[in-house]
Amino acid sequence: MTIRSCSLDDLESVFLINKEIYGNDCYPKVVIRQFYDCFSDNIKIAIENKKIIGFSINGMTSNSNEGWILSLGVSEGFRHYGIGTKLLLKSIEELKKGGAKVIKLTAHPDNTGIRLYKKIGFKIKRKYKDYYGDNEERLLMSYSISDKILIQ
């Protein structure tokens, strides 16, 4: 398995994995494209046997030392092989290179990825009842670059 930067030709696969994981709550294609236009260096894809099997989308906030993991996902048949961990560690590395001192993400309280985020060292900072609107719960999680990564 390799991780590399996303190209324009890879966006359809990124969208399809995003839709597989998040269903109707996935980012629309237009948003994935806008992420690419704004953060192309910070979109990474995981490839196995020439097939895209996972992705991470990251960005830096303006006028801040804050990085965000906007989306991270691994296709169903490729989970539990450490691919999500590798994508997350690559995201942290890239955001750190970009000047991030703190990295944040949001996740639904039922998101199984929360275990991974906690293993790496992310901490729950706040619970929002209506993050995206009525009854759209999310946990805000944060990782300080000065913290030691708990697993490699």
Protein backbone atom coordinates (compact mmCIF):
# COMPACT_ATOMS: atom_id res chain seq x y z
CA MET A 1 0.00 0.00 0.00
CA THR A 2 1.24 3.46 -0.89
CA ILE A 3 0.09 6.93 0.02
CA ARG A 4 0.46 9.77 -2.44
CA SER A 5 -1.02 13.16 -3.24
CA CYS A 6 -4.36 13.16 -5.00
CA SER A 7 -4.61 14.16 -8.65
CA LEU A 8 -7.60 15.58 -10.46
CA ASP A 9 -8.19 12.16 -12.03
CA ASP A 10 -8.49 10.61 -8.55
CA LEU A 11 -11.40 12.78 -7.35
CA GLU A 12 -14.16 10.47 -8.57
CA SER A 13 -12.71 7.60 -6.52
CA VAL A 14 -12.37 9.86 -3.47
CA PHE A 15 -16.02 10.88 -3.87
CA LEU A 16 -17.18 7.26 -4.21
CA ILE A 17 -15.34 6.16 -1.06
CA ASN A 18 -16.71 9.21 0.77
CA LYS A 19 -20.24 8.25 -0.35
CA GLU A 20 -19.69 4.59 0.60
CA ILE A 21 -18.73 5.63 4.13
CA TYR A 22 -21.02 8.57 4.81
CA GLY A 23 -24.00 7.88 2.54
CA ASN A 24 -26.29 10.89 2.22
CA ASP A 25 -24.07 12.82 4.65
CA CYS A 26 -21.06 12.68 2.31
CA TYR A 27 -19.52 15.75 0.79
CA PRO A 28 -21.02 16.50 -2.64
CA LYS A 29 -18.72 16.21 -5.67
CA VAL A 30 -18.56 19.98 -6.00
CA VAL A 31 -17.18 20.29 -2.45
CA ILE A 32 -14.59 17.55 -3.04
CA ARG A 33 -13.51 19.47 -6.15
CA GLN A 34 -13.32 22.73 -4.20
CA PHE A 35 -11.22 21.04 -1.53
CA TYR A 36 -8.91 19.91 -4.34
CA ASP A 37 -8.72 23.44 -5.75
CA CYS A 38 -7.91 24.87 -2.30
CA PHE A 39 -5.88 22.09 -0.67
CA SER A 40 -4.60 19.78 -3.43
CA ASP A 41 -1.30 19.22 -1.60
CA ASN A 42 -3.23 18.17 1.49
CA ILE A 43 -5.43 15.52 -0.10
CA LYS A 44 -3.78 12.14 0.20
CA ILE A 45 -4.91 8.83 -1.21
CA ALA A 46 -4.04 5.27 -0.25
CA ILE A 47 -3.52 2.87 -3.16
CA GLU A 48 -3.38 -0.92 -3.20
CA ASN A 49 -2.90 -2.81 -6.48
CA LYS A 50 -3.55 0.38 -8.49
CA LYS A 51 -6.91 0.91 -6.72
CA ILE A 52 -7.70 3.89 -4.49
CA ILE A 53 -8.81 2.45 -1.17
CA GLY A 54 -8.69 5.45 1.16
CA PHE A 55 -8.21 9.18 1.41
CA SER A 56 -7.66 12.09 3.75
CA ILE A 57 -8.57 15.72 3.15
CA ASN A 58 -6.80 18.30 5.31
CA GLY A 59 -6.52 22.06 5.41
CA MET A 60 -5.08 24.97 7.33
CA THR A 61 -7.19 27.81 8.66
CA SER A 62 -6.21 31.27 7.53
CA ASN A 63 -4.34 33.52 9.96
CA SER A 64 -3.86 30.69 12.42
CA ASN A 65 -1.65 27.78 13.36
CA GLU A 66 -4.64 25.47 13.22
CA GLY A 67 -4.95 22.51 10.88
CA TRP A 68 -8.09 20.51 10.21
CA ILE A 69 -8.69 16.96 9.14
CA LEU A 70 -11.81 17.56 7.09
CA SER A 71 -12.44 13.99 6.02
CA LEU A 72 -10.69 10.65 6.29
CA GLY A 73 -11.95 7.31 5.09
CA VAL A 74 -11.01 3.80 4.05
CA SER A 75 -13.12 1.62 1.79
CA GLU A 76 -15.03 -1.13 3.62
CA GLY A 77 -12.99 -4.12 2.43
CA PHE A 78 -9.68 -2.54 3.43
CA ARG A 79 -10.38 -1.53 7.02
CA HIS A 80 -8.49 -2.94 10.03
CA TYR A 81 -5.17 -3.14 8.15
CA GLY A 82 -3.71 0.10 9.49
CA ILE A 83 -4.52 2.17 6.40
CA GLY A 84 -6.57 4.74 8.35
CA THR A 85 -3.73 5.05 10.85
CA LYS A 86 -1.20 5.65 8.07
CA LEU A 87 -3.44 8.25 6.43
CA LEU A 88 -4.00 10.00 9.76
CA LEU A 89 -0.27 10.06 10.58
CA LYS A 90 0.48 11.40 7.08
CA SER A 91 -2.17 14.08 7.61
CA ILE A 92 -0.60 15.13 10.90
CA GLU A 93 2.85 15.20 9.29
CA GLU A 94 1.66 17.36 6.38
CA LEU A 95 -0.28 19.78 8.57
CA LYS A 96 2.72 20.09 10.89
CA LYS A 97 4.90 20.97 7.87
CA GLY A 98 2.31 23.62 6.98
CA GLY A 99 2.75 25.27 10.37
CA ALA A 100 -0.06 23.69 12.39
CA LYS A 101 0.43 23.73 16.14
CA VAL A 102 -3.01 22.24 16.79
CA ILE A 103 -4.99 19.84 14.61
CA LYS A 104 -8.74 19.55 14.93
CA LEU A 105 -11.48 17.36 13.54
CA THR A 106 -15.12 16.69 14.15
CA ALA A 107 -16.77 13.29 14.29
CA HIS A 108 -20.24 11.95 14.97
CA PRO A 109 -20.28 10.31 18.43
CA ASP A 110 -20.97 6.92 16.79
CA ASN A 111 -18.04 7.19 14.35
CA THR A 112 -15.81 4.14 14.81
CA GLY A 113 -12.80 6.27 13.85
CA ILE A 114 -12.91 7.95 17.27
CA ARG A 115 -10.99 4.98 18.71
CA LEU A 116 -8.19 5.62 16.20
CA TYR A 117 -8.14 9.35 16.88
CA LYS A 118 -7.84 8.72 20.62
CA LYS A 119 -5.06 6.13 20.08
CA ILE A 120 -3.06 8.74 18.18
CA GLY A 121 -3.58 11.30 20.94
CA PHE A 122 -6.63 13.35 19.94
CA LYS A 123 -8.75 14.49 22.86
CA ILE A 124 -12.45 15.34 22.91
CA LYS A 125 -12.68 19.07 23.59
CA ARG A 126 -16.39 19.68 23.17
CA LYS A 127 -19.65 18.00 22.26
CA TYR A 128 -22.00 19.91 19.98
CA LYS A 129 -25.67 18.98 19.92
CA ASP A 130 -26.47 20.79 16.66
CA TYR A 131 -23.12 21.20 14.84
CA TYR A 132 -24.63 21.06 11.34
CA GLY A 133 -28.20 21.87 12.32
CA ASP A 134 -30.97 20.18 14.27
CA ASN A 135 -29.79 16.99 15.94
CA GLU A 136 -26.50 16.83 14.05
CA GLU A 137 -24.26 15.89 16.98
CA ARG A 138 -20.51 16.13 16.61
CA LEU A 139 -17.51 15.82 18.86
CA LEU A 140 -14.76 18.37 18.40
CA MET A 141 -11.43 16.63 18.87
CA SER A 142 -8.03 18.25 19.08
CA TYR A 143 -4.39 17.18 18.89
CA SER A 144 -1.49 19.41 19.93
CA ILE A 145 1.65 19.06 17.81
CA SER A 146 3.68 19.29 21.02
CA ASP A 147 2.02 16.06 22.20
CA LYS A 148 3.73 12.77 21.49
CA ILE A 149 1.94 10.56 18.98
CA LEU A 150 0.80 7.58 21.00
CA ILE A 151 1.08 4.95 18.22
CA GLN A 152 3.11 4.84 15.04
